[in-house]
Amino acid sequence: MALELHIPPCIHNPPHHFHPPPPDKPLRIQIQGPLESIQKLLPHTSWHPIKPFPQPPGLLLASLTHQKLYGKEGQEHAKGTPIGVTFDHLVPADDPDPEILAISIVEVDHGEGAFANKHLLFPVDPAEYTGKLVLAVPKCCQAKKGSQDRPRWNKSVAERDRKAQR
């Protein structure tokens, strides 16, 4: 049985300007996490570690994430990452450096949520998630800030696009 992706509301007041993202704002969204957690979201698909993108789980993860963020399916320009996906929402094709929303899927089933409680800015009760939800948290609500996310992910997407054109 597939578990539901859960992106909690922003803990900041006022909320971070991309959490939740405005529906009319162009944004590159990157979501990644442990394969074990992704398989809980998409149990009837398999992620092959060496096959090229697009793989079915990558496209499904992009669509699922888009639906959670915007209330509708979508996977505009989805690109694969090792265990995750990067996709664009309303980003013009000629924009090499769009804003980034980096989301981490956090495994809470092991160690009584110790990893989540160490790396997130809010307490996590594993009983709220185990067997029910898969927790996905934008960087603004994590202890580790992602100041390098924008250049890193935009460079990664540009590199993949160049390789695809060859």
C-alpha atoms as a PDB file:
ATOM      1  CA  MET A   1       0.000   0.000   0.000  1.00  0.00           C
ATOM      2  CA  ALA A   2       1.328   3.428  -0.958  1.00  0.00           C
ATOM      3  CA  LEU A   3       1.846   5.940   1.819  1.00  0.00           C
ATOM      4  CA  GLU A   4       0.931   9.593   1.431  1.00  0.00           C
ATOM      5  CA  LEU A   5       3.544  12.307   0.898  1.00  0.00           C
ATOM      6  CA  HIS A   6       3.286  14.884   3.678  1.00  0.00           C
ATOM      7  CA  ILE A   7       4.827  18.343   3.393  1.00  0.00           C
ATOM      8  CA  PRO A   8       4.048  20.127   6.670  1.00  0.00           C
ATOM      9  CA  PRO A   9       3.263  23.850   6.844  1.00  0.00           C
ATOM     10  CA  CYS A  10       6.205  26.190   7.347  1.00  0.00           C
ATOM     11  CA  ILE A  11       7.179  26.637  10.992  1.00  0.00           C
ATOM     12  CA  HIS A  12       8.276  30.246  10.491  1.00  0.00           C
ATOM     13  CA  ASN A  13       6.084  33.280  11.056  1.00  0.00           C
ATOM     14  CA  PRO A  14       5.740  34.693   8.491  1.00  0.00           C
ATOM     15  CA  PRO A  15       6.232  31.548   6.383  1.00  0.00           C
ATOM     16  CA  HIS A  16       9.222  31.290   4.068  1.00  0.00           C
ATOM     17  CA  HIS A  17       8.343  32.802   0.674  1.00  0.00           C
ATOM     18  CA  PHE A  18       8.448  29.379  -1.056  1.00  0.00           C
ATOM     19  CA  HIS A  19       6.816  27.302   1.690  1.00  0.00           C
ATOM     20  CA  PRO A  20       4.239  26.903   0.331  1.00  0.00           C
ATOM     21  CA  PRO A  21       5.244  28.113  -3.114  1.00  0.00           C
ATOM     22  CA  PRO A  22       3.052  30.729  -4.817  1.00  0.00           C
ATOM     23  CA  PRO A  23       1.213  29.063  -7.737  1.00  0.00           C
ATOM     24  CA  ASP A  24       2.197  31.788 -10.218  1.00  0.00           C
ATOM     25  CA  LYS A  25       5.926  31.923  -9.298  1.00  0.00           C
ATOM     26  CA  PRO A  26       8.408  30.156 -11.609  1.00  0.00           C
ATOM     27  CA  LEU A  27      10.327  27.684  -9.479  1.00  0.00           C
ATOM     28  CA  ARG A  28      12.683  24.731  -9.888  1.00  0.00           C
ATOM     29  CA  ILE A  29      11.756  22.076  -7.352  1.00  0.00           C
ATOM     30  CA  GLN A  30      14.162  19.404  -6.216  1.00  0.00           C
ATOM     31  CA  ILE A  31      13.007  16.541  -3.992  1.00  0.00           C
ATOM     32  CA  GLN A  32      15.187  13.685  -2.853  1.00  0.00           C
ATOM     33  CA  GLY A  33      15.478  11.199  -0.058  1.00  0.00           C
ATOM     34  CA  PRO A  34      16.245   7.635   0.903  1.00  0.00           C
ATOM     35  CA  LEU A  35      15.198   5.015  -1.625  1.00  0.00           C
ATOM     36  CA  GLU A  36      13.405   3.201   1.204  1.00  0.00           C
ATOM     37  CA  SER A  37      11.130   6.209   1.718  1.00  0.00           C
ATOM     38  CA  ILE A  38      10.503   6.765  -1.988  1.00  0.00           C
ATOM     39  CA  GLN A  39       9.489   3.123  -2.292  1.00  0.00           C
ATOM     40  CA  LYS A  40       6.898   3.708   0.454  1.00  0.00           C
ATOM     41  CA  LEU A  41       5.365   6.414  -1.747  1.00  0.00           C
ATOM     42  CA  LEU A  42       5.625   4.403  -4.967  1.00  0.00           C
ATOM     43  CA  PRO A  43       5.587   0.719  -3.942  1.00  0.00           C
ATOM     44  CA  HIS A  44       4.607  -0.638  -7.361  1.00  0.00           C
ATOM     45  CA  THR A  45       7.517   0.896  -9.259  1.00  0.00           C
ATOM     46  CA  SER A  46      11.231   0.238  -9.042  1.00  0.00           C
ATOM     47  CA  TRP A  47      14.058   2.713  -9.182  1.00  0.00           C
ATOM     48  CA  HIS A  48      16.972   1.249 -11.099  1.00  0.00           C
ATOM     49  CA  PRO A  49      20.292   2.629  -9.810  1.00  0.00           C
ATOM     50  CA  ILE A  50      22.071   2.699 -13.187  1.00  0.00           C
ATOM     51  CA  LYS A  51      19.377   3.184 -15.803  1.00  0.00           C
ATOM     52  CA  PRO A  52      19.134   6.686 -17.278  1.00  0.00           C
ATOM     53  CA  PHE A  53      16.298   9.092 -16.563  1.00  0.00           C
ATOM     54  CA  PRO A  54      13.404   9.259 -17.089  1.00  0.00           C
ATOM     55  CA  GLN A  55      12.548   6.294 -14.955  1.00  0.00           C
ATOM     56  CA  PRO A  56       8.925   5.730 -13.954  1.00  0.00           C
ATOM     57  CA  PRO A  57       9.501   6.510 -10.244  1.00  0.00           C
ATOM     58  CA  GLY A  58      11.153   9.850 -11.077  1.00  0.00           C
ATOM     59  CA  LEU A  59       8.253  11.038 -13.178  1.00  0.00           C
ATOM     60  CA  LEU A  60       5.753   9.768 -10.604  1.00  0.00           C
ATOM     61  CA  LEU A  61       7.647  11.446  -7.740  1.00  0.00           C
ATOM     62  CA  ALA A  62       7.663  14.743  -9.690  1.00  0.00           C
ATOM     63  CA  SER A  63       3.934  14.488 -10.344  1.00  0.00           C
ATOM     64  CA  LEU A  64       3.153  13.516  -6.740  1.00  0.00           C
ATOM     65  CA  THR A  65       5.244  16.396  -5.372  1.00  0.00           C
ATOM     66  CA  HIS A  66       3.695  18.893  -7.785  1.00  0.00           C
ATOM     67  CA  GLN A  67       0.233  17.727  -6.744  1.00  0.00           C
ATOM     68  CA  LYS A  68       1.081  18.165  -3.031  1.00  0.00           C
ATOM     69  CA  LEU A  69       2.524  21.652  -3.594  1.00  0.00           C
ATOM     70  CA  TYR A  70       0.032  23.015  -6.122  1.00  0.00           C
ATOM     71  CA  GLY A  71      -3.063  20.821  -5.835  1.00  0.00           C
ATOM     72  CA  LYS A  72      -2.736  19.495  -9.380  1.00  0.00           C
ATOM     73  CA  GLU A  73      -0.593  16.994 -11.248  1.00  0.00           C
ATOM     74  CA  GLY A  74       2.359  18.152 -13.251  1.00  0.00           C
ATOM     75  CA  GLN A  75       5.963  17.349 -13.991  1.00  0.00           C
ATOM     76  CA  GLU A  76       7.151  20.077 -16.269  1.00  0.00           C
ATOM     77  CA  HIS A  77      10.662  19.312 -17.498  1.00  0.00           C
ATOM     78  CA  ALA A  78      11.398  16.607 -14.900  1.00  0.00           C
ATOM     79  CA  LYS A  79      15.048  15.599 -14.576  1.00  0.00           C
ATOM     80  CA  GLY A  80      16.370  12.699 -12.508  1.00  0.00           C
ATOM     81  CA  THR A  81      18.834  12.833  -9.646  1.00  0.00           C
ATOM     82  CA  PRO A  82      20.488   9.864  -7.897  1.00  0.00           C
ATOM     83  CA  ILE A  83      17.520   9.275  -5.573  1.00  0.00           C
ATOM     84  CA  GLY A  84      15.073  11.994  -6.402  1.00  0.00           C
ATOM     85  CA  VAL A  85      13.911  14.329  -9.103  1.00  0.00           C
ATOM     86  CA  THR A  86      14.206  17.950 -10.176  1.00  0.00           C
ATOM     87  CA  PHE A  87      11.342  19.543 -12.065  1.00  0.00           C
ATOM     88  CA  ASP A  88      10.307  23.004 -13.164  1.00  0.00           C
ATOM     89  CA  HIS A  89       7.083  24.832 -12.420  1.00  0.00           C
ATOM     90  CA  LEU A  90       6.463  27.680 -14.902  1.00  0.00           C
ATOM     91  CA  VAL A  91      10.216  28.166 -15.471  1.00  0.00           C
ATOM     92  CA  PRO A  92      10.885  29.598 -18.950  1.00  0.00           C
ATOM     93  CA  ALA A  93      13.131  27.393 -21.084  1.00  0.00           C
ATOM     94  CA  ASP A  94      15.625  30.237 -21.460  1.00  0.00           C
ATOM     95  CA  ASP A  95      16.045  30.813 -17.682  1.00  0.00           C
ATOM     96  CA  PRO A  96      19.364  29.188 -16.671  1.00  0.00           C
ATOM     97  CA  ASP A  97      19.153  30.249 -12.998  1.00  0.00           C
ATOM     98  CA  PRO A  98      15.607  29.956 -11.592  1.00  0.00           C
ATOM     99  CA  GLU A  99      14.805  30.074  -7.897  1.00  0.00           C
ATOM    100  CA  ILE A 100      15.024  26.676  -6.162  1.00  0.00           C
ATOM    101  CA  LEU A 101      12.836  24.917  -3.625  1.00  0.00           C
ATOM    102  CA  ALA A 102      14.845  22.028  -2.157  1.00  0.00           C
ATOM    103  CA  ILE A 103      12.816  19.397  -0.312  1.00  0.00           C
ATOM    104  CA  SER A 104      14.249  16.468   1.638  1.00  0.00           C
ATOM    105  CA  ILE A 105      12.317  13.295   2.269  1.00  0.00           C
ATOM    106  CA  VAL A 106      13.113  12.369   5.863  1.00  0.00           C
ATOM    107  CA  GLU A 107      13.006   8.770   7.048  1.00  0.00           C
ATOM    108  CA  VAL A 108      11.431   8.629  10.517  1.00  0.00           C
ATOM    109  CA  ASP A 109      10.873   4.884  10.968  1.00  0.00           C
ATOM    110  CA  HIS A 110      14.350   4.087  12.267  1.00  0.00           C
ATOM    111  CA  GLY A 111      15.911   5.071  15.570  1.00  0.00           C
ATOM    112  CA  GLU A 112      12.615   6.422  16.924  1.00  0.00           C
ATOM    113  CA  GLY A 113      12.869   9.486  14.667  1.00  0.00           C
ATOM    114  CA  ALA A 114      16.338  10.480  15.926  1.00  0.00           C
ATOM    115  CA  PHE A 115      17.533  11.618  12.477  1.00  0.00           C
ATOM    116  CA  ALA A 116      14.440  13.758  11.904  1.00  0.00           C
ATOM    117  CA  ASN A 117      14.615  15.296  15.364  1.00  0.00           C
ATOM    118  CA  LYS A 118      18.291  16.120  14.892  1.00  0.00           C
ATOM    119  CA  HIS A 119      17.946  17.727  11.448  1.00  0.00           C
ATOM    120  CA  LEU A 120      14.543  19.414  11.528  1.00  0.00           C
ATOM    121  CA  LEU A 121      13.530  22.604  13.305  1.00  0.00           C
ATOM    122  CA  PHE A 122      10.401  21.014  14.777  1.00  0.00           C
ATOM    123  CA  PRO A 123       9.819  17.865  16.838  1.00  0.00           C
ATOM    124  CA  VAL A 124       8.780  14.713  14.993  1.00  0.00           C
ATOM    125  CA  ASP A 125       6.784  11.907  16.567  1.00  0.00           C
ATOM    126  CA  PRO A 126       7.450   8.791  14.461  1.00  0.00           C
ATOM    127  CA  ALA A 127       4.077   7.351  15.488  1.00  0.00           C
ATOM    128  CA  GLU A 128       2.399  10.087  13.427  1.00  0.00           C
ATOM    129  CA  TYR A 129       4.190   8.881  10.267  1.00  0.00           C
ATOM    130  CA  THR A 130       5.061   5.178  10.497  1.00  0.00           C
ATOM    131  CA  GLY A 131       2.802   3.227   8.174  1.00  0.00           C
ATOM    132  CA  LYS A 132       0.809   6.363   7.266  1.00  0.00           C
ATOM    133  CA  LEU A 133       2.853   9.240   5.849  1.00  0.00           C
ATOM    134  CA  VAL A 134       6.229   9.978   4.294  1.00  0.00           C
ATOM    135  CA  LEU A 135       7.638  13.232   5.648  1.00  0.00           C
ATOM    136  CA  ALA A 136       9.105  15.717   3.145  1.00  0.00           C
ATOM    137  CA  VAL A 137      10.506  19.008   4.457  1.00  0.00           C
ATOM    138  CA  PRO A 138      11.699  22.127   2.583  1.00  0.00           C
ATOM    139  CA  LYS A 139      15.124  23.481   3.580  1.00  0.00           C
ATOM    140  CA  CYS A 140      13.630  26.462   5.443  1.00  0.00           C
ATOM    141  CA  CYS A 141      12.391  24.081   8.158  1.00  0.00           C
ATOM    142  CA  GLN A 142      15.613  22.067   8.411  1.00  0.00           C
ATOM    143  CA  ALA A 143      18.554  22.716  10.719  1.00  0.00           C
ATOM    144  CA  LYS A 144      20.923  22.492   7.741  1.00  0.00           C
ATOM    145  CA  LYS A 145      20.457  25.518   5.526  1.00  0.00           C
ATOM    146  CA  GLY A 146      20.828  25.097   1.777  1.00  0.00           C
ATOM    147  CA  SER A 147      22.608  28.254   0.688  1.00  0.00           C
ATOM    148  CA  GLN A 148      24.314  26.343  -2.124  1.00  0.00           C
ATOM    149  CA  ASP A 149      21.155  24.666  -3.442  1.00  0.00           C
ATOM    150  CA  ARG A 150      20.372  27.138  -6.210  1.00  0.00           C
ATOM    151  CA  PRO A 151      23.750  27.088  -7.988  1.00  0.00           C
ATOM    152  CA  ARG A 152      24.237  23.350  -7.407  1.00  0.00           C
ATOM    153  CA  TRP A 153      20.843  22.206  -8.759  1.00  0.00           C
ATOM    154  CA  ASN A 154      20.739  24.693 -11.631  1.00  0.00           C
ATOM    155  CA  LYS A 155      24.246  23.604 -12.692  1.00  0.00           C
ATOM    156  CA  SER A 156      23.186  19.956 -12.440  1.00  0.00           C
ATOM    157  CA  VAL A 157      20.100  20.524 -14.638  1.00  0.00           C
ATOM    158  CA  ALA A 158      22.136  22.487 -17.209  1.00  0.00           C
ATOM    159  CA  GLU A 159      24.722  19.697 -17.317  1.00  0.00           C
ATOM    160  CA  ARG A 160      22.055  17.031 -17.903  1.00  0.00           C
ATOM    161  CA  ASP A 161      20.426  19.165 -20.609  1.00  0.00           C
ATOM    162  CA  ARG A 162      23.769  19.506 -22.429  1.00  0.00           C
ATOM    163  CA  LYS A 163      24.316  15.736 -22.268  1.00  0.00           C
ATOM    164  CA  ALA A 164      20.786  15.089 -23.569  1.00  0.00           C
ATOM    165  CA  GLN A 165      21.396  17.353 -26.571  1.00  0.00           C
ATOM    166  CA  ARG A 166      24.453  15.385 -27.687  1.00  0.00           C
END
